[in-house]
N, C-alpha and C. Protein backbone atom coordinates (compact mmCIF):
# COMPACT_ATOMS: atom_id res chain seq x y z
N MET A 1 -33.61 -2.16 -7.86
CA MET A 1 -32.46 -1.30 -7.74
C MET A 1 -32.88 0.16 -7.93
N GLN A 2 -32.29 1.02 -7.13
CA GLN A 2 -32.47 2.46 -7.27
C GLN A 2 -31.10 3.06 -7.57
N ASP A 3 -31.05 4.01 -8.50
CA ASP A 3 -29.80 4.64 -8.91
C ASP A 3 -30.06 6.13 -9.12
N ARG A 4 -29.72 6.93 -8.13
CA ARG A 4 -30.01 8.36 -8.18
C ARG A 4 -29.11 9.15 -9.13
N CYS A 5 -27.91 8.66 -9.38
CA CYS A 5 -26.92 9.46 -10.10
C CYS A 5 -26.51 8.88 -11.44
N GLY A 6 -27.11 7.80 -11.85
CA GLY A 6 -26.75 7.20 -13.12
C GLY A 6 -25.39 6.54 -13.11
N ILE A 7 -25.00 5.97 -11.96
CA ILE A 7 -23.67 5.34 -11.89
C ILE A 7 -23.71 3.81 -11.94
N ASP A 8 -24.90 3.23 -11.92
CA ASP A 8 -24.97 1.76 -12.01
C ASP A 8 -24.30 1.26 -13.29
N GLN A 9 -24.37 2.04 -14.35
CA GLN A 9 -23.75 1.63 -15.62
C GLN A 9 -22.23 1.47 -15.50
N TYR A 10 -21.63 2.05 -14.45
CA TYR A 10 -20.19 1.96 -14.25
C TYR A 10 -19.80 0.85 -13.26
N VAL A 11 -20.80 0.24 -12.62
CA VAL A 11 -20.53 -0.81 -11.63
C VAL A 11 -20.39 -2.15 -12.35
N ARG A 12 -19.27 -2.79 -12.13
CA ARG A 12 -19.07 -4.13 -12.69
C ARG A 12 -19.67 -5.13 -11.69
N SER A 13 -20.60 -5.94 -12.15
CA SER A 13 -21.23 -6.94 -11.29
C SER A 13 -20.65 -8.31 -11.64
N ILE A 14 -20.10 -8.98 -10.63
CA ILE A 14 -19.41 -10.25 -10.84
C ILE A 14 -20.20 -11.35 -10.12
N PRO A 15 -20.86 -12.22 -10.89
CA PRO A 15 -21.66 -13.28 -10.25
C PRO A 15 -20.79 -14.35 -9.58
N ASP A 16 -21.34 -14.90 -8.50
CA ASP A 16 -20.72 -16.02 -7.78
C ASP A 16 -19.34 -15.70 -7.22
N PHE A 17 -19.17 -14.45 -6.75
CA PHE A 17 -17.92 -14.07 -6.09
C PHE A 17 -18.26 -13.30 -4.83
N PRO A 18 -17.71 -13.60 -3.69
CA PRO A 18 -16.66 -14.57 -3.41
C PRO A 18 -17.16 -16.00 -3.26
N GLU A 19 -18.49 -16.17 -3.31
CA GLU A 19 -19.04 -17.52 -3.25
C GLU A 19 -20.29 -17.60 -4.11
N GLU A 20 -20.72 -18.80 -4.41
CA GLU A 20 -21.88 -19.01 -5.27
C GLU A 20 -23.12 -18.32 -4.71
N GLY A 21 -23.85 -17.67 -5.60
CA GLY A 21 -25.08 -16.98 -5.21
C GLY A 21 -24.90 -15.52 -4.85
N ILE A 22 -23.66 -15.08 -4.70
CA ILE A 22 -23.37 -13.68 -4.37
C ILE A 22 -23.03 -12.94 -5.66
N ILE A 23 -23.54 -11.72 -5.81
CA ILE A 23 -23.13 -10.85 -6.90
C ILE A 23 -22.25 -9.76 -6.31
N PHE A 24 -20.97 -9.79 -6.65
CA PHE A 24 -20.01 -8.81 -6.14
C PHE A 24 -20.15 -7.52 -6.95
N ARG A 25 -20.37 -6.41 -6.27
CA ARG A 25 -20.50 -5.09 -6.91
C ARG A 25 -19.16 -4.38 -6.80
N ASP A 26 -18.47 -4.26 -7.90
CA ASP A 26 -17.09 -3.75 -7.94
C ASP A 26 -17.06 -2.25 -8.19
N ILE A 27 -16.50 -1.50 -7.24
CA ILE A 27 -16.40 -0.04 -7.41
C ILE A 27 -15.20 0.36 -8.24
N THR A 28 -14.25 -0.53 -8.47
CA THR A 28 -13.06 -0.12 -9.24
C THR A 28 -13.45 0.33 -10.64
N SER A 29 -14.50 -0.25 -11.18
CA SER A 29 -14.94 0.17 -12.51
C SER A 29 -15.58 1.56 -12.47
N ILE A 30 -16.12 1.98 -11.32
CA ILE A 30 -16.62 3.35 -11.18
C ILE A 30 -15.46 4.33 -11.20
N ILE A 31 -14.43 4.05 -10.40
CA ILE A 31 -13.35 5.03 -10.27
C ILE A 31 -12.38 5.01 -11.45
N GLN A 32 -12.41 3.94 -12.26
CA GLN A 32 -11.59 3.91 -13.47
C GLN A 32 -12.17 4.82 -14.55
N SER A 33 -13.45 5.08 -14.46
CA SER A 33 -14.13 5.90 -15.46
C SER A 33 -14.19 7.35 -14.97
N PRO A 34 -13.66 8.29 -15.75
CA PRO A 34 -13.76 9.69 -15.32
C PRO A 34 -15.21 10.11 -15.07
N GLU A 35 -16.13 9.65 -15.92
CA GLU A 35 -17.54 10.01 -15.75
C GLU A 35 -18.13 9.36 -14.50
N GLY A 36 -17.82 8.08 -14.27
CA GLY A 36 -18.33 7.38 -13.10
C GLY A 36 -17.82 7.99 -11.80
N LEU A 37 -16.53 8.30 -11.77
CA LEU A 37 -15.95 8.93 -10.58
C LEU A 37 -16.59 10.28 -10.33
N LYS A 38 -16.71 11.08 -11.37
CA LYS A 38 -17.29 12.42 -11.22
C LYS A 38 -18.75 12.34 -10.76
N LYS A 39 -19.53 11.46 -11.39
CA LYS A 39 -20.94 11.34 -11.00
C LYS A 39 -21.09 10.89 -9.55
N SER A 40 -20.25 9.96 -9.11
CA SER A 40 -20.37 9.47 -7.73
C SER A 40 -19.96 10.53 -6.72
N VAL A 41 -18.85 11.21 -6.96
CA VAL A 41 -18.42 12.26 -6.03
C VAL A 41 -19.41 13.42 -6.05
N ASP A 42 -19.83 13.84 -7.24
CA ASP A 42 -20.82 14.92 -7.34
C ASP A 42 -22.13 14.54 -6.65
N GLY A 43 -22.54 13.27 -6.77
CA GLY A 43 -23.77 12.83 -6.12
C GLY A 43 -23.68 12.92 -4.60
N MET A 44 -22.52 12.55 -4.05
CA MET A 44 -22.34 12.65 -2.60
C MET A 44 -22.31 14.11 -2.16
N ILE A 45 -21.63 14.95 -2.92
CA ILE A 45 -21.57 16.37 -2.58
C ILE A 45 -22.97 16.97 -2.61
N GLU A 46 -23.75 16.63 -3.61
CA GLU A 46 -25.14 17.11 -3.70
C GLU A 46 -25.95 16.66 -2.48
N SER A 47 -25.75 15.43 -2.06
CA SER A 47 -26.46 14.87 -0.92
C SER A 47 -26.10 15.58 0.39
N LEU A 48 -24.92 16.17 0.43
CA LEU A 48 -24.44 16.82 1.66
C LEU A 48 -24.65 18.34 1.65
N LYS A 49 -25.24 18.86 0.58
CA LYS A 49 -25.38 20.30 0.40
C LYS A 49 -26.03 21.01 1.59
N GLU A 50 -27.05 20.43 2.14
CA GLU A 50 -27.81 21.07 3.23
C GLU A 50 -27.37 20.59 4.62
N VAL A 51 -26.29 19.82 4.70
CA VAL A 51 -25.86 19.25 5.98
C VAL A 51 -24.79 20.15 6.61
N ASP A 52 -24.99 20.49 7.87
CA ASP A 52 -24.02 21.28 8.63
C ASP A 52 -23.05 20.30 9.30
N PHE A 53 -21.77 20.34 8.89
CA PHE A 53 -20.80 19.43 9.48
C PHE A 53 -19.40 20.03 9.43
N ASP A 54 -18.51 19.43 10.22
CA ASP A 54 -17.14 19.94 10.36
C ASP A 54 -16.10 19.08 9.65
N ILE A 55 -16.25 17.75 9.72
CA ILE A 55 -15.23 16.87 9.16
C ILE A 55 -15.86 15.66 8.47
N VAL A 56 -15.09 15.10 7.54
CA VAL A 56 -15.45 13.87 6.86
C VAL A 56 -14.55 12.77 7.40
N ILE A 57 -15.16 11.63 7.73
CA ILE A 57 -14.41 10.45 8.15
C ILE A 57 -14.60 9.37 7.09
N GLY A 58 -13.49 8.72 6.71
CA GLY A 58 -13.57 7.63 5.75
C GLY A 58 -12.74 6.45 6.20
N PRO A 59 -13.34 5.25 6.20
CA PRO A 59 -12.58 4.06 6.58
C PRO A 59 -11.69 3.55 5.45
N GLU A 60 -10.60 2.94 5.85
CA GLU A 60 -9.65 2.34 4.92
C GLU A 60 -10.34 1.25 4.11
N SER A 61 -10.12 1.14 2.92
CA SER A 61 -9.39 2.04 2.05
C SER A 61 -10.31 2.77 1.09
N ARG A 62 -11.46 2.19 0.82
CA ARG A 62 -12.33 2.81 -0.17
C ARG A 62 -13.03 4.06 0.35
N GLY A 63 -13.16 4.19 1.67
CA GLY A 63 -13.67 5.43 2.23
C GLY A 63 -12.72 6.59 1.98
N PHE A 64 -11.42 6.27 1.84
CA PHE A 64 -10.44 7.29 1.49
C PHE A 64 -10.71 7.80 0.07
N ILE A 65 -10.97 6.86 -0.84
CA ILE A 65 -11.15 7.19 -2.26
C ILE A 65 -12.28 8.18 -2.45
N PHE A 66 -13.40 7.96 -1.77
CA PHE A 66 -14.56 8.83 -1.95
C PHE A 66 -14.61 9.97 -0.94
N GLY A 67 -14.12 9.74 0.27
CA GLY A 67 -14.18 10.77 1.30
C GLY A 67 -13.27 11.96 1.05
N MET A 68 -12.06 11.70 0.53
CA MET A 68 -11.10 12.79 0.29
C MET A 68 -11.62 13.83 -0.70
N PRO A 69 -12.10 13.44 -1.87
CA PRO A 69 -12.58 14.49 -2.78
C PRO A 69 -13.81 15.22 -2.25
N VAL A 70 -14.66 14.51 -1.50
CA VAL A 70 -15.83 15.17 -0.90
C VAL A 70 -15.36 16.22 0.10
N ALA A 71 -14.44 15.84 0.98
CA ALA A 71 -13.91 16.80 1.97
C ALA A 71 -13.25 17.99 1.26
N TYR A 72 -12.43 17.71 0.27
CA TYR A 72 -11.74 18.76 -0.46
C TYR A 72 -12.72 19.74 -1.12
N MET A 73 -13.69 19.20 -1.83
CA MET A 73 -14.64 20.06 -2.55
C MET A 73 -15.52 20.88 -1.61
N LEU A 74 -15.77 20.37 -0.42
CA LEU A 74 -16.63 21.09 0.53
C LEU A 74 -15.83 21.88 1.56
N GLY A 75 -14.50 21.90 1.42
CA GLY A 75 -13.66 22.69 2.32
C GLY A 75 -13.63 22.16 3.75
N LYS A 76 -13.66 20.84 3.89
CA LYS A 76 -13.65 20.20 5.21
C LYS A 76 -12.38 19.39 5.38
N GLY A 77 -12.04 19.10 6.64
CA GLY A 77 -10.92 18.21 6.92
C GLY A 77 -11.35 16.76 6.72
N PHE A 78 -10.35 15.89 6.58
CA PHE A 78 -10.62 14.46 6.40
C PHE A 78 -9.90 13.68 7.48
N VAL A 79 -10.61 12.72 8.08
CA VAL A 79 -10.05 11.86 9.12
C VAL A 79 -10.06 10.42 8.61
N PRO A 80 -8.87 9.81 8.52
CA PRO A 80 -8.83 8.40 8.10
C PRO A 80 -9.08 7.46 9.28
N VAL A 81 -9.84 6.42 9.03
CA VAL A 81 -9.99 5.31 9.97
C VAL A 81 -9.24 4.15 9.34
N ARG A 82 -8.29 3.59 10.11
CA ARG A 82 -7.39 2.59 9.53
C ARG A 82 -7.47 1.27 10.27
N LYS A 83 -6.90 0.26 9.64
CA LYS A 83 -6.75 -1.03 10.30
C LYS A 83 -5.77 -0.86 11.46
N GLN A 84 -5.90 -1.72 12.44
CA GLN A 84 -5.10 -1.65 13.66
C GLN A 84 -3.60 -1.62 13.34
N GLY A 85 -2.89 -0.71 14.02
CA GLY A 85 -1.44 -0.65 13.91
C GLY A 85 -0.91 0.20 12.78
N LYS A 86 -1.76 0.92 12.06
CA LYS A 86 -1.33 1.71 10.90
C LYS A 86 -1.18 3.20 11.19
N LEU A 87 -1.69 3.68 12.31
CA LEU A 87 -1.62 5.11 12.62
C LEU A 87 -0.51 5.39 13.64
N PRO A 88 0.25 6.48 13.45
CA PRO A 88 1.45 6.71 14.25
C PRO A 88 1.24 7.35 15.62
N CYS A 89 0.13 8.03 15.84
CA CYS A 89 -0.08 8.73 17.12
C CYS A 89 -1.02 7.95 18.02
N GLU A 90 -1.36 8.53 19.16
CA GLU A 90 -2.26 7.86 20.10
C GLU A 90 -3.63 7.65 19.44
N THR A 91 -4.15 6.44 19.55
CA THR A 91 -5.40 6.09 18.86
C THR A 91 -6.45 5.57 19.83
N ILE A 92 -7.68 5.54 19.33
CA ILE A 92 -8.74 4.76 19.96
C ILE A 92 -9.08 3.67 18.96
N GLU A 93 -9.61 2.58 19.44
CA GLU A 93 -9.91 1.46 18.54
C GLU A 93 -11.22 0.82 18.91
N ARG A 94 -11.79 0.13 17.93
CA ARG A 94 -13.01 -0.65 18.14
C ARG A 94 -12.88 -1.95 17.35
N GLU A 95 -13.34 -3.01 17.97
CA GLU A 95 -13.43 -4.30 17.31
C GLU A 95 -14.85 -4.43 16.75
N TYR A 96 -14.96 -5.06 15.60
CA TYR A 96 -16.27 -5.28 15.00
C TYR A 96 -16.29 -6.63 14.32
N ALA A 97 -17.49 -7.12 14.10
CA ALA A 97 -17.66 -8.47 13.54
C ALA A 97 -17.57 -8.46 12.03
N LEU A 98 -16.89 -9.45 11.51
CA LEU A 98 -16.84 -9.73 10.08
C LEU A 98 -17.65 -11.00 9.83
N GLU A 99 -17.77 -11.36 8.57
CA GLU A 99 -18.51 -12.58 8.25
C GLU A 99 -17.90 -13.80 8.93
N TYR A 100 -16.55 -13.84 8.98
CA TYR A 100 -15.85 -14.99 9.58
C TYR A 100 -14.83 -14.53 10.59
N GLY A 101 -15.25 -13.85 11.64
CA GLY A 101 -14.32 -13.42 12.68
C GLY A 101 -14.53 -11.96 13.04
N THR A 102 -13.45 -11.32 13.49
CA THR A 102 -13.52 -9.92 13.89
C THR A 102 -12.33 -9.16 13.30
N ALA A 103 -12.44 -7.84 13.34
CA ALA A 103 -11.35 -6.97 12.92
C ALA A 103 -11.33 -5.77 13.87
N VAL A 104 -10.24 -5.03 13.84
CA VAL A 104 -10.10 -3.85 14.69
C VAL A 104 -9.74 -2.66 13.80
N ILE A 105 -10.44 -1.55 14.02
CA ILE A 105 -10.12 -0.31 13.33
C ILE A 105 -9.74 0.74 14.36
N GLU A 106 -8.97 1.74 13.90
CA GLU A 106 -8.48 2.79 14.79
C GLU A 106 -8.59 4.15 14.12
N MET A 107 -8.60 5.18 14.96
CA MET A 107 -8.41 6.54 14.49
C MET A 107 -7.68 7.31 15.57
N HIS A 108 -7.03 8.39 15.17
CA HIS A 108 -6.30 9.20 16.15
C HIS A 108 -7.25 9.78 17.19
N LYS A 109 -6.79 9.78 18.43
CA LYS A 109 -7.60 10.29 19.53
C LYS A 109 -7.94 11.77 19.39
N ASP A 110 -7.05 12.51 18.73
CA ASP A 110 -7.28 13.95 18.59
C ASP A 110 -7.99 14.32 17.27
N ALA A 111 -8.47 13.33 16.54
CA ALA A 111 -9.08 13.58 15.23
C ALA A 111 -10.46 14.21 15.31
N VAL A 112 -11.20 13.90 16.36
CA VAL A 112 -12.54 14.44 16.55
C VAL A 112 -12.55 15.14 17.90
N LYS A 113 -13.00 16.39 17.87
CA LYS A 113 -13.09 17.20 19.11
C LYS A 113 -14.54 17.18 19.61
N PRO A 114 -14.72 17.37 20.94
CA PRO A 114 -16.09 17.44 21.45
C PRO A 114 -16.89 18.51 20.70
N GLY A 115 -18.08 18.13 20.28
CA GLY A 115 -18.95 19.04 19.53
C GLY A 115 -18.80 18.98 18.03
N ASP A 116 -17.75 18.31 17.52
CA ASP A 116 -17.59 18.20 16.06
C ASP A 116 -18.77 17.45 15.45
N LYS A 117 -19.24 17.96 14.33
CA LYS A 117 -20.28 17.29 13.56
C LYS A 117 -19.59 16.55 12.42
N VAL A 118 -19.89 15.26 12.31
CA VAL A 118 -19.15 14.36 11.45
C VAL A 118 -20.04 13.74 10.38
N VAL A 119 -19.48 13.65 9.16
CA VAL A 119 -20.09 12.87 8.09
C VAL A 119 -19.15 11.70 7.81
N ILE A 120 -19.71 10.50 7.76
CA ILE A 120 -18.94 9.30 7.40
C ILE A 120 -19.22 9.00 5.93
N VAL A 121 -18.15 8.81 5.16
CA VAL A 121 -18.27 8.49 3.73
C VAL A 121 -17.58 7.16 3.47
N ASP A 122 -18.27 6.26 2.78
CA ASP A 122 -17.68 4.98 2.40
C ASP A 122 -18.28 4.51 1.09
N ASP A 123 -17.67 3.48 0.52
CA ASP A 123 -18.12 2.99 -0.77
C ASP A 123 -19.37 2.14 -0.67
N LEU A 124 -19.52 1.36 0.42
CA LEU A 124 -20.54 0.34 0.46
C LEU A 124 -21.05 0.11 1.87
N ILE A 125 -22.36 -0.03 2.00
CA ILE A 125 -22.93 -0.51 3.25
C ILE A 125 -23.50 -1.90 2.99
N ALA A 126 -23.01 -2.84 3.79
CA ALA A 126 -23.50 -4.22 3.75
C ALA A 126 -24.22 -4.46 5.07
N THR A 127 -23.51 -4.98 6.07
CA THR A 127 -24.15 -5.23 7.37
C THR A 127 -24.11 -4.01 8.28
N GLY A 128 -23.23 -3.05 8.01
CA GLY A 128 -23.14 -1.84 8.82
C GLY A 128 -22.18 -1.93 10.00
N GLY A 129 -21.48 -3.06 10.15
CA GLY A 129 -20.60 -3.25 11.31
C GLY A 129 -19.44 -2.28 11.39
N THR A 130 -18.78 -2.03 10.29
CA THR A 130 -17.66 -1.08 10.28
C THR A 130 -18.15 0.31 10.64
N THR A 131 -19.25 0.72 10.03
CA THR A 131 -19.79 2.05 10.29
C THR A 131 -20.22 2.19 11.74
N GLU A 132 -20.83 1.16 12.28
CA GLU A 132 -21.24 1.18 13.68
C GLU A 132 -20.04 1.36 14.60
N ALA A 133 -18.92 0.72 14.30
CA ALA A 133 -17.70 0.89 15.10
C ALA A 133 -17.18 2.32 15.00
N ILE A 134 -17.24 2.92 13.81
CA ILE A 134 -16.81 4.31 13.65
C ILE A 134 -17.71 5.25 14.44
N ILE A 135 -19.02 5.04 14.36
CA ILE A 135 -19.97 5.86 15.12
C ILE A 135 -19.63 5.81 16.60
N ASP A 136 -19.32 4.62 17.11
CA ASP A 136 -18.98 4.46 18.52
C ASP A 136 -17.72 5.25 18.88
N MET A 137 -16.71 5.20 18.01
CA MET A 137 -15.48 5.96 18.27
C MET A 137 -15.75 7.46 18.27
N VAL A 138 -16.51 7.93 17.30
CA VAL A 138 -16.84 9.36 17.21
C VAL A 138 -17.55 9.81 18.48
N GLY A 139 -18.53 9.04 18.92
CA GLY A 139 -19.27 9.37 20.14
C GLY A 139 -18.40 9.38 21.37
N SER A 140 -17.45 8.46 21.45
CA SER A 140 -16.58 8.39 22.63
C SER A 140 -15.66 9.60 22.72
N LEU A 141 -15.42 10.26 21.59
CA LEU A 141 -14.59 11.47 21.57
C LEU A 141 -15.42 12.75 21.69
N GLY A 142 -16.73 12.61 21.79
CA GLY A 142 -17.60 13.78 21.96
C GLY A 142 -18.13 14.35 20.67
N GLY A 143 -17.91 13.65 19.56
CA GLY A 143 -18.44 14.11 18.28
C GLY A 143 -19.83 13.57 18.03
N GLU A 144 -20.45 14.10 16.98
CA GLU A 144 -21.80 13.69 16.61
C GLU A 144 -21.83 13.34 15.12
N VAL A 145 -22.29 12.16 14.80
CA VAL A 145 -22.45 11.76 13.40
C VAL A 145 -23.76 12.34 12.90
N VAL A 146 -23.68 13.23 11.89
CA VAL A 146 -24.88 13.89 11.38
C VAL A 146 -25.36 13.29 10.06
N LYS A 147 -24.49 12.54 9.38
CA LYS A 147 -24.91 11.87 8.15
C LYS A 147 -23.90 10.79 7.81
N ILE A 148 -24.41 9.73 7.17
CA ILE A 148 -23.57 8.64 6.68
C ILE A 148 -23.89 8.47 5.20
N GLN A 149 -22.87 8.63 4.36
CA GLN A 149 -23.05 8.63 2.92
C GLN A 149 -22.30 7.48 2.27
N PHE A 150 -23.01 6.67 1.50
CA PHE A 150 -22.42 5.55 0.78
C PHE A 150 -22.61 5.72 -0.71
N VAL A 151 -21.72 5.11 -1.48
CA VAL A 151 -21.93 5.01 -2.91
C VAL A 151 -22.99 3.94 -3.18
N MET A 152 -22.80 2.74 -2.60
CA MET A 152 -23.69 1.61 -2.85
C MET A 152 -24.22 1.01 -1.55
N GLU A 153 -25.40 0.43 -1.66
CA GLU A 153 -26.01 -0.26 -0.52
C GLU A 153 -26.53 -1.61 -0.98
N LEU A 154 -26.22 -2.63 -0.21
CA LEU A 154 -26.77 -3.96 -0.43
C LEU A 154 -27.91 -4.14 0.57
N ALA A 155 -29.12 -3.79 0.16
CA ALA A 155 -30.26 -3.72 1.07
C ALA A 155 -30.57 -5.06 1.72
N GLY A 156 -30.28 -6.16 1.03
CA GLY A 156 -30.58 -7.49 1.57
C GLY A 156 -29.79 -7.84 2.82
N LEU A 157 -28.71 -7.10 3.09
CA LEU A 157 -27.91 -7.38 4.29
C LEU A 157 -28.32 -6.51 5.49
N LYS A 158 -29.28 -5.62 5.29
CA LYS A 158 -29.96 -4.88 6.35
C LYS A 158 -29.07 -3.95 7.18
N GLY A 159 -28.00 -3.43 6.59
CA GLY A 159 -27.14 -2.48 7.29
C GLY A 159 -27.85 -1.19 7.65
N ARG A 160 -28.73 -0.72 6.78
CA ARG A 160 -29.48 0.51 7.05
C ARG A 160 -30.32 0.36 8.32
N GLU A 161 -30.90 -0.82 8.51
CA GLU A 161 -31.69 -1.07 9.72
C GLU A 161 -30.81 -0.98 10.96
N ARG A 162 -29.60 -1.50 10.87
CA ARG A 162 -28.67 -1.46 11.99
C ARG A 162 -28.30 -0.03 12.35
N LEU A 163 -28.31 0.86 11.36
CA LEU A 163 -27.93 2.26 11.55
C LEU A 163 -29.16 3.17 11.54
N SER A 164 -30.31 2.64 11.91
CA SER A 164 -31.59 3.34 11.74
C SER A 164 -31.69 4.65 12.54
N LYS A 165 -30.86 4.86 13.53
CA LYS A 165 -30.89 6.10 14.30
C LYS A 165 -30.20 7.25 13.57
N TYR A 166 -29.61 6.96 12.42
CA TYR A 166 -28.79 7.95 11.72
C TYR A 166 -29.35 8.26 10.34
N ASN A 167 -28.94 9.40 9.83
CA ASN A 167 -29.30 9.83 8.48
C ASN A 167 -28.37 9.09 7.51
N VAL A 168 -28.88 8.04 6.88
CA VAL A 168 -28.09 7.19 5.97
C VAL A 168 -28.56 7.44 4.54
N ASP A 169 -27.60 7.62 3.64
CA ASP A 169 -27.95 7.83 2.24
C ASP A 169 -27.01 7.01 1.36
N SER A 170 -27.55 6.48 0.28
CA SER A 170 -26.77 5.70 -0.69
C SER A 170 -27.15 6.17 -2.09
N LEU A 171 -26.15 6.28 -2.97
CA LEU A 171 -26.42 6.70 -4.34
C LEU A 171 -27.09 5.59 -5.14
N ILE A 172 -26.69 4.34 -4.88
CA ILE A 172 -27.28 3.17 -5.55
C ILE A 172 -27.71 2.20 -4.46
N ILE A 173 -28.91 1.67 -4.58
CA ILE A 173 -29.38 0.65 -3.65
C ILE A 173 -29.73 -0.61 -4.45
N TYR A 174 -29.01 -1.68 -4.17
CA TYR A 174 -29.28 -2.98 -4.77
C TYR A 174 -30.13 -3.78 -3.78
N ASP A 175 -31.17 -4.45 -4.29
CA ASP A 175 -32.10 -5.16 -3.43
C ASP A 175 -31.49 -6.36 -2.72
N GLY A 176 -30.59 -7.06 -3.34
CA GLY A 176 -30.07 -8.31 -2.78
C GLY A 176 -28.86 -8.14 -1.91
N LYS A 177 -28.06 -9.21 -1.87
CA LYS A 177 -26.85 -9.24 -1.08
C LYS A 177 -25.69 -9.05 -1.99
């Protein structure tokens, strides 16, 4: 395990959830702690210090939790990516694979303008499927993903490899699944 910001102490690890052999890494214990929340948001802001970008995108729902304060502190706009049917204006959507099926995410068509430089912020990278769908939507609108920032990474699920064309960073990297 690698922990750049000293936030592993705030992560609750739950063995055998959702199934035997899996260790569930719970971010709610990070955000319940004022110190854990501050260290994680500050760590992401530090990681983005030298990055030139226009907007932060965060997927529902935990990307909202971490993406909003990052956008606010850096003076950037925030674009939510939501589950299908939750956004009121014209949207674009992408289907992506889950462990047992598929899901669809959407964002407003006018959220990313051609030439916009985008940072994606989320709590966790596992297989990278959700992030890959967001990257595809950003590209279809003419934007460019310049960095992808996670709080945690489950290296055993190889999501970073799936996103190898992009600048991917994680505050904590766990070796397993």
